[in-house]
C-alpha cells in the first residue's frame, strides 16, 4: 500500500511511548493535500500523481489555469503512485489526502531541503584536518593545500574546495511514525527531519 503526503516541519518535541521510553520526535503539520493532476503513460509518458498543498494568493495565469477550481496551492509535487488504499483505489483529480492514512509504527522516508549554511571553507564543509599551526607555518591552519599539479594544467572536476554548504535536497530513511493526530493534522516522526521550521517535506512509504 502506497502512502504519501506533503507537510511542513513544525519543530521537535518529546513523547513518551507505551513502554515509558522518552523519544525525541519531529512534528510535521499536514494541511489538506489535493490531487491536481493524474499523469498516465499514454498521455504524459509516465505514471504519477501531482499533489497540491498550502495556499497562495498570487500565481501566474498558467498555474491558475492548471489548478482550475481546486484552489491556489503554494506547493506542487509529484509522486510515482496511482493508488492510495489497500483495495487498490485509484486516485482522481480533486481527491483529498490527510494523515489518516498513516498508522503508528509505519516506516517512512522524508525528503526536504536541508539547512543552508552559507559559504564555508574546506574544514567546515568537508572536514579537512588543516595544516600545522606551528614550526614555521603561518596562516595556513584552515587552508585546503594543493589543488592541482603540472598536468593537466587545470583543477580537476569534483575537487573538494570551499563553497556554498548545505541547502540541497536531503533524504532521511526509516523514520518511524510515533503518533498521528487526525484532528490537528499532525504527524510525529521519531528522529530528525531535514530543513528548518516551516519548510516543506515529502513523506512517503511502501508497506
C-alpha atoms as a PDB file:
ATOM      1  CA  UNK A   1       0.000   0.000   0.000  1.00  0.00           C
ATOM      2  CA  UNK A   2       1.470   3.332  -1.033  1.00  0.00           C
ATOM      3  CA  UNK A   3       1.287   6.227   1.383  1.00  0.00           C
ATOM      4  CA  UNK A   4       2.476   9.732   0.570  1.00  0.00           C
ATOM      5  CA  UNK A   5       1.741  13.246   1.735  1.00  0.00           C
ATOM      6  CA  UNK A   6       3.156  16.778   1.899  1.00  0.00           C
ATOM      7  CA  UNK A   7       3.602  18.697   5.145  1.00  0.00           C
ATOM      8  CA  UNK A   8       5.621  21.407   6.848  1.00  0.00           C
ATOM      9  CA  UNK A   9       8.159  20.874   9.599  1.00  0.00           C
ATOM     10  CA  UNK A  10       6.938  22.411  12.860  1.00  0.00           C
ATOM     11  CA  UNK A  11       9.928  21.641  15.078  1.00  0.00           C
ATOM     12  CA  UNK A  12      10.983  18.977  17.553  1.00  0.00           C
ATOM     13  CA  UNK A  13       9.415  17.744  20.774  1.00  0.00           C
ATOM     14  CA  UNK A  14       9.397  14.741  23.099  1.00  0.00           C
ATOM     15  CA  UNK A  15       6.862  11.975  23.575  1.00  0.00           C
ATOM     16  CA  UNK A  16       6.558   9.006  25.919  1.00  0.00           C
ATOM     17  CA  UNK A  17       5.979   5.691  24.176  1.00  0.00           C
ATOM     18  CA  UNK A  18       3.740   2.937  25.533  1.00  0.00           C
ATOM     19  CA  UNK A  19       6.718   1.270  27.225  1.00  0.00           C
ATOM     20  CA  UNK A  20       7.591   4.503  29.067  1.00  0.00           C
ATOM     21  CA  UNK A  21      10.606   5.496  26.958  1.00  0.00           C
ATOM     22  CA  UNK A  22      11.137   9.188  26.247  1.00  0.00           C
ATOM     23  CA  UNK A  23      11.511   9.674  22.476  1.00  0.00           C
ATOM     24  CA  UNK A  24      12.632  12.717  20.501  1.00  0.00           C
ATOM     25  CA  UNK A  25      10.179  13.408  17.672  1.00  0.00           C
ATOM     26  CA  UNK A  26       9.715  15.877  14.854  1.00  0.00           C
ATOM     27  CA  UNK A  27       6.226  17.309  14.384  1.00  0.00           C
ATOM     28  CA  UNK A  28       5.004  17.671  10.805  1.00  0.00           C
ATOM     29  CA  UNK A  29       1.902  19.764  10.143  1.00  0.00           C
ATOM     30  CA  UNK A  30      -0.190  18.464   7.256  1.00  0.00           C
ATOM     31  CA  UNK A  31      -2.699  20.724   5.531  1.00  0.00           C
ATOM     32  CA  UNK A  32      -5.216  19.221   3.097  1.00  0.00           C
ATOM     33  CA  UNK A  33      -3.444  17.596   0.122  1.00  0.00           C
ATOM     34  CA  UNK A  34      -5.452  17.716  -3.097  1.00  0.00           C
ATOM     35  CA  UNK A  35      -4.827  15.728  -6.270  1.00  0.00           C
ATOM     36  CA  UNK A  36      -4.285  18.322  -9.009  1.00  0.00           C
ATOM     37  CA  UNK A  37      -3.309  16.027 -11.882  1.00  0.00           C
ATOM     38  CA  UNK A  38      -3.042  12.319 -12.659  1.00  0.00           C
ATOM     39  CA  UNK A  39      -0.363  11.550 -15.252  1.00  0.00           C
ATOM     40  CA  UNK A  40      -0.522   8.439 -17.412  1.00  0.00           C
ATOM     41  CA  UNK A  41       1.872   6.694 -19.783  1.00  0.00           C
ATOM     42  CA  UNK A  42      -0.441   7.206 -22.746  1.00  0.00           C
ATOM     43  CA  UNK A  43      -0.621  10.988 -22.325  1.00  0.00           C
ATOM     44  CA  UNK A  44       2.493  12.023 -20.390  1.00  0.00           C
ATOM     45  CA  UNK A  45       4.905   9.142 -20.891  1.00  0.00           C
ATOM     46  CA  UNK A  46       4.988   8.108 -17.233  1.00  0.00           C
ATOM     47  CA  UNK A  47       2.651   7.481 -14.320  1.00  0.00           C
ATOM     48  CA  UNK A  48       2.474   9.878 -11.386  1.00  0.00           C
ATOM     49  CA  UNK A  49       0.110  11.845  -9.192  1.00  0.00           C
ATOM     50  CA  UNK A  50       0.569  15.590  -8.710  1.00  0.00           C
ATOM     51  CA  UNK A  51      -0.379  16.850  -5.245  1.00  0.00           C
ATOM     52  CA  UNK A  52      -1.055  20.442  -4.208  1.00  0.00           C
ATOM     53  CA  UNK A  53      -0.980  21.873  -0.690  1.00  0.00           C
ATOM     54  CA  UNK A  54      -0.788  25.208   1.074  1.00  0.00           C
ATOM     55  CA  UNK A  55      -2.328  28.437  -0.185  1.00  0.00           C
ATOM     56  CA  UNK A  56      -1.003  31.382  -2.150  1.00  0.00           C
ATOM     57  CA  UNK A  57      -2.793  34.497  -3.347  1.00  0.00           C
ATOM     58  CA  UNK A  58      -0.782  35.441  -6.422  1.00  0.00           C
ATOM     59  CA  UNK A  59       0.120  32.852  -9.042  1.00  0.00           C
ATOM     60  CA  UNK A  60       0.901  33.015 -12.774  1.00  0.00           C
ATOM     61  CA  UNK A  61      -2.095  32.601 -15.071  1.00  0.00           C
ATOM     62  CA  UNK A  62      -0.703  29.310 -16.367  1.00  0.00           C
ATOM     63  CA  UNK A  63      -0.720  27.794 -12.876  1.00  0.00           C
ATOM     64  CA  UNK A  64      -4.176  29.198 -12.148  1.00  0.00           C
ATOM     65  CA  UNK A  65      -5.488  27.529 -15.269  1.00  0.00           C
ATOM     66  CA  UNK A  66      -3.704  24.292 -14.398  1.00  0.00           C
ATOM     67  CA  UNK A  67      -5.234  24.158 -10.910  1.00  0.00           C
ATOM     68  CA  UNK A  68      -8.676  25.235 -12.104  1.00  0.00           C
ATOM     69  CA  UNK A  69     -11.336  25.375  -9.402  1.00  0.00           C
ATOM     70  CA  UNK A  70      -9.353  23.198  -6.975  1.00  0.00           C
ATOM     71  CA  UNK A  71      -7.702  26.236  -5.340  1.00  0.00           C
ATOM     72  CA  UNK A  72      -4.476  28.224  -5.433  1.00  0.00           C
ATOM     73  CA  UNK A  73      -1.805  25.958  -3.971  1.00  0.00           C
ATOM     74  CA  UNK A  74       1.592  27.180  -2.833  1.00  0.00           C
ATOM     75  CA  UNK A  75       3.308  23.847  -3.457  1.00  0.00           C
ATOM     76  CA  UNK A  76       3.026  21.189  -6.159  1.00  0.00           C
ATOM     77  CA  UNK A  77       4.844  17.866  -6.007  1.00  0.00           C
ATOM     78  CA  UNK A  78       4.660  14.599  -7.911  1.00  0.00           C
ATOM     79  CA  UNK A  79       4.606  11.077  -6.510  1.00  0.00           C
ATOM     80  CA  UNK A  80       5.025   7.933  -8.651  1.00  0.00           C
ATOM     81  CA  UNK A  81       1.974   6.229  -7.128  1.00  0.00           C
ATOM     82  CA  UNK A  82      -1.519   5.957  -8.570  1.00  0.00           C
ATOM     83  CA  UNK A  83      -3.263   4.125  -5.724  1.00  0.00           C
ATOM     84  CA  UNK A  84      -3.648   5.019  -2.065  1.00  0.00           C
ATOM     85  CA  UNK A  85      -5.670   2.229  -0.439  1.00  0.00           C
ATOM     86  CA  UNK A  86      -5.266  -1.448   0.305  1.00  0.00           C
ATOM     87  CA  UNK A  87      -8.108  -2.154  -2.111  1.00  0.00           C
ATOM     88  CA  UNK A  88      -6.097  -0.522  -4.909  1.00  0.00           C
ATOM     89  CA  UNK A  89      -8.336   2.535  -5.251  1.00  0.00           C
ATOM     90  CA  UNK A  90      -7.021   4.782  -7.992  1.00  0.00           C
ATOM     91  CA  UNK A  91      -6.762   8.483  -7.263  1.00  0.00           C
ATOM     92  CA  UNK A  92      -8.546  11.052  -9.387  1.00  0.00           C
ATOM     93  CA  UNK A  93      -8.400  14.828  -9.692  1.00  0.00           C
ATOM     94  CA  UNK A  94      -9.972  16.518  -6.675  1.00  0.00           C
ATOM     95  CA  UNK A  95      -9.350  13.708  -4.187  1.00  0.00           C
ATOM     96  CA  UNK A  96      -8.048  14.800  -0.786  1.00  0.00           C
ATOM     97  CA  UNK A  97      -5.353  13.133   1.312  1.00  0.00           C
ATOM     98  CA  UNK A  98      -4.747  13.516   5.044  1.00  0.00           C
ATOM     99  CA  UNK A  99      -2.751  11.974   7.905  1.00  0.00           C
ATOM    100  CA  UNK A 100      -5.462   9.381   8.496  1.00  0.00           C
ATOM    101  CA  UNK A 101      -3.750   7.043   6.023  1.00  0.00           C
ATOM    102  CA  UNK A 102      -0.704   6.689   8.318  1.00  0.00           C
ATOM    103  CA  UNK A 103      -0.548   4.449  11.377  1.00  0.00           C
ATOM    104  CA  UNK A 104       1.737   4.246  14.384  1.00  0.00           C
ATOM    105  CA  UNK A 105       4.753   2.111  13.553  1.00  0.00           C
ATOM    106  CA  UNK A 106       4.877   2.911   9.832  1.00  0.00           C
ATOM    107  CA  UNK A 107       8.381   3.260   8.434  1.00  0.00           C
ATOM    108  CA  UNK A 108       8.635   6.352   6.234  1.00  0.00           C
ATOM    109  CA  UNK A 109      11.102   8.217   4.052  1.00  0.00           C
ATOM    110  CA  UNK A 110      11.238  12.010   4.408  1.00  0.00           C
ATOM    111  CA  UNK A 111      12.615  14.308   1.703  1.00  0.00           C
ATOM    112  CA  UNK A 112      13.241  18.009   2.223  1.00  0.00           C
ATOM    113  CA  UNK A 113      15.627  20.890   1.650  1.00  0.00           C
ATOM    114  CA  UNK A 114      18.474  20.916   4.163  1.00  0.00           C
ATOM    115  CA  UNK A 115      19.601  23.952   6.102  1.00  0.00           C
ATOM    116  CA  UNK A 116      21.731  26.377   4.114  1.00  0.00           C
ATOM    117  CA  UNK A 117      24.995  27.209   5.901  1.00  0.00           C
ATOM    118  CA  UNK A 118      26.349  29.818   3.506  1.00  0.00           C
ATOM    119  CA  UNK A 119      29.886  29.975   2.131  1.00  0.00           C
ATOM    120  CA  UNK A 120      32.142  27.617   4.078  1.00  0.00           C
ATOM    121  CA  UNK A 121      35.774  26.590   3.942  1.00  0.00           C
ATOM    122  CA  UNK A 122      37.075  23.068   3.478  1.00  0.00           C
ATOM    123  CA  UNK A 123      37.417  22.397   7.208  1.00  0.00           C
ATOM    124  CA  UNK A 124      33.726  23.015   7.901  1.00  0.00           C
ATOM    125  CA  UNK A 125      32.382  21.859   4.543  1.00  0.00           C
ATOM    126  CA  UNK A 126      34.423  18.681   4.025  1.00  0.00           C
ATOM    127  CA  UNK A 127      36.028  18.004   7.403  1.00  0.00           C
ATOM    128  CA  UNK A 128      39.624  18.723   6.366  1.00  0.00           C
ATOM    129  CA  UNK A 129      42.170  18.460   9.158  1.00  0.00           C
ATOM    130  CA  UNK A 130      44.089  21.591   8.164  1.00  0.00           C
ATOM    131  CA  UNK A 131      47.818  22.283   8.272  1.00  0.00           C
ATOM    132  CA  UNK A 132      50.144  22.684  11.225  1.00  0.00           C
ATOM    133  CA  UNK A 133      49.835  25.750  13.441  1.00  0.00           C
ATOM    134  CA  UNK A 134      53.500  25.978  14.399  1.00  0.00           C
ATOM    135  CA  UNK A 135      57.065  25.199  13.233  1.00  0.00           C
ATOM    136  CA  UNK A 136      57.285  27.827  10.545  1.00  0.00           C
ATOM    137  CA  UNK A 137      53.679  27.685   9.343  1.00  0.00           C
ATOM    138  CA  UNK A 138      51.755  30.947   9.123  1.00  0.00           C
ATOM    139  CA  UNK A 139      48.085  31.474   8.302  1.00  0.00           C
ATOM    140  CA  UNK A 140      47.656  28.001   6.796  1.00  0.00           C
ATOM    141  CA  UNK A 141      45.706  26.313   9.561  1.00  0.00           C
ATOM    142  CA  UNK A 142      42.380  26.139   7.628  1.00  0.00           C
ATOM    143  CA  UNK A 143      43.688  26.238   4.052  1.00  0.00           C
ATOM    144  CA  UNK A 144      42.970  23.334   1.644  1.00  0.00           C
ATOM    145  CA  UNK A 145      46.535  22.806   0.452  1.00  0.00           C
ATOM    146  CA  UNK A 146      47.443  21.906  -3.117  1.00  0.00           C
ATOM    147  CA  UNK A 147      44.559  21.879  -5.627  1.00  0.00           C
ATOM    148  CA  UNK A 148      46.388  20.556  -8.710  1.00  0.00           C
ATOM    149  CA  UNK A 149      49.609  19.518 -10.426  1.00  0.00           C
ATOM    150  CA  UNK A 150      51.624  20.317 -13.576  1.00  0.00           C
ATOM    151  CA  UNK A 151      49.397  18.140 -15.750  1.00  0.00           C
ATOM    152  CA  UNK A 152      46.639  18.628 -16.951  1.00  0.00           C
ATOM    153  CA  UNK A 153      47.149  22.326 -16.072  1.00  0.00           C
ATOM    154  CA  UNK A 154      43.694  22.796 -14.610  1.00  0.00           C
ATOM    155  CA  UNK A 155      41.820  21.934 -11.435  1.00  0.00           C
ATOM    156  CA  UNK A 156      40.211  18.513 -11.678  1.00  0.00           C
ATOM    157  CA  UNK A 157      36.431  18.348 -11.701  1.00  0.00           C
ATOM    158  CA  UNK A 158      34.870  17.351  -8.379  1.00  0.00           C
ATOM    159  CA  UNK A 159      37.798  18.500  -6.237  1.00  0.00           C
ATOM    160  CA  UNK A 160      36.661  19.294  -2.722  1.00  0.00           C
ATOM    161  CA  UNK A 161      37.063  23.025  -2.179  1.00  0.00           C
ATOM    162  CA  UNK A 162      35.406  25.897  -0.357  1.00  0.00           C
ATOM    163  CA  UNK A 163      31.909  26.883  -1.480  1.00  0.00           C
ATOM    164  CA  UNK A 164      28.262  27.085  -0.546  1.00  0.00           C
ATOM    165  CA  UNK A 165      27.428  24.482   2.075  1.00  0.00           C
ATOM    166  CA  UNK A 166      24.030  22.883   2.651  1.00  0.00           C
ATOM    167  CA  UNK A 167      20.777  23.914   1.028  1.00  0.00           C
ATOM    168  CA  UNK A 168      20.414  20.786  -1.113  1.00  0.00           C
ATOM    169  CA  UNK A 169      17.836  18.011  -1.089  1.00  0.00           C
ATOM    170  CA  UNK A 170      18.233  15.659   1.855  1.00  0.00           C
ATOM    171  CA  UNK A 171      16.513  12.286   2.277  1.00  0.00           C
ATOM    172  CA  UNK A 172      16.195  10.528   5.629  1.00  0.00           C
ATOM    173  CA  UNK A 173      15.018   6.930   5.532  1.00  0.00           C
ATOM    174  CA  UNK A 174      13.471   4.532   8.042  1.00  0.00           C
ATOM    175  CA  UNK A 175      11.858   7.073  10.349  1.00  0.00           C
ATOM    176  CA  UNK A 176       9.051   5.643  12.478  1.00  0.00           C
ATOM    177  CA  UNK A 177       5.630   7.210  12.936  1.00  0.00           C
ATOM    178  CA  UNK A 178       5.222   7.630  16.696  1.00  0.00           C
ATOM    179  CA  UNK A 179       1.869   9.446  16.851  1.00  0.00           C
ATOM    180  CA  UNK A 180      -0.908  10.544  14.492  1.00  0.00           C
ATOM    181  CA  UNK A 181      -3.231  13.437  15.419  1.00  0.00           C
ATOM    182  CA  UNK A 182      -6.016  13.378  12.831  1.00  0.00           C
ATOM    183  CA  UNK A 183      -7.913  16.375  14.252  1.00  0.00           C
ATOM    184  CA  UNK A 184      -4.865  18.645  14.304  1.00  0.00           C
ATOM    185  CA  UNK A 185      -3.374  17.159  11.148  1.00  0.00           C
ATOM    186  CA  UNK A 186      -0.011  16.441  12.781  1.00  0.00           C
ATOM    187  CA  UNK A 187       2.410  13.535  12.351  1.00  0.00           C
ATOM    188  CA  UNK A 188       5.062  12.813  14.992  1.00  0.00           C
ATOM    189  CA  UNK A 189       8.129  11.138  13.488  1.00  0.00           C
ATOM    190  CA  UNK A 190      10.899   9.591  15.568  1.00  0.00           C
ATOM    191  CA  UNK A 191      14.179  11.414  14.989  1.00  0.00           C
ATOM    192  CA  UNK A 192      15.201  14.470  12.969  1.00  0.00           C
ATOM    193  CA  UNK A 193      13.733  15.680   9.685  1.00  0.00           C
ATOM    194  CA  UNK A 194      15.654  17.757   7.094  1.00  0.00           C
ATOM    195  CA  UNK A 195      15.252  21.512   6.886  1.00  0.00           C
ATOM    196  CA  UNK A 196      14.215  24.386   9.097  1.00  0.00           C
ATOM    197  CA  UNK A 197      10.886  25.140  10.733  1.00  0.00           C
ATOM    198  CA  UNK A 198       8.195  25.846   8.177  1.00  0.00           C
ATOM    199  CA  UNK A 199       9.964  24.047   5.310  1.00  0.00           C
ATOM    200  CA  UNK A 200       8.020  21.692   3.055  1.00  0.00           C
ATOM    201  CA  UNK A 201       8.756  17.971   3.409  1.00  0.00           C
ATOM    202  CA  UNK A 202       7.508  14.980   1.426  1.00  0.00           C
ATOM    203  CA  UNK A 203       6.684  11.830   3.386  1.00  0.00           C
ATOM    204  CA  UNK A 204       6.407   8.513   1.562  1.00  0.00           C
ATOM    205  CA  UNK A 205       6.259   4.854   2.492  1.00  0.00           C
ATOM    206  CA  UNK A 206       5.586   1.486   0.930  1.00  0.00           C
ATOM    207  CA  UNK A 207       4.272  -1.306   3.085  1.00  0.00           C
END
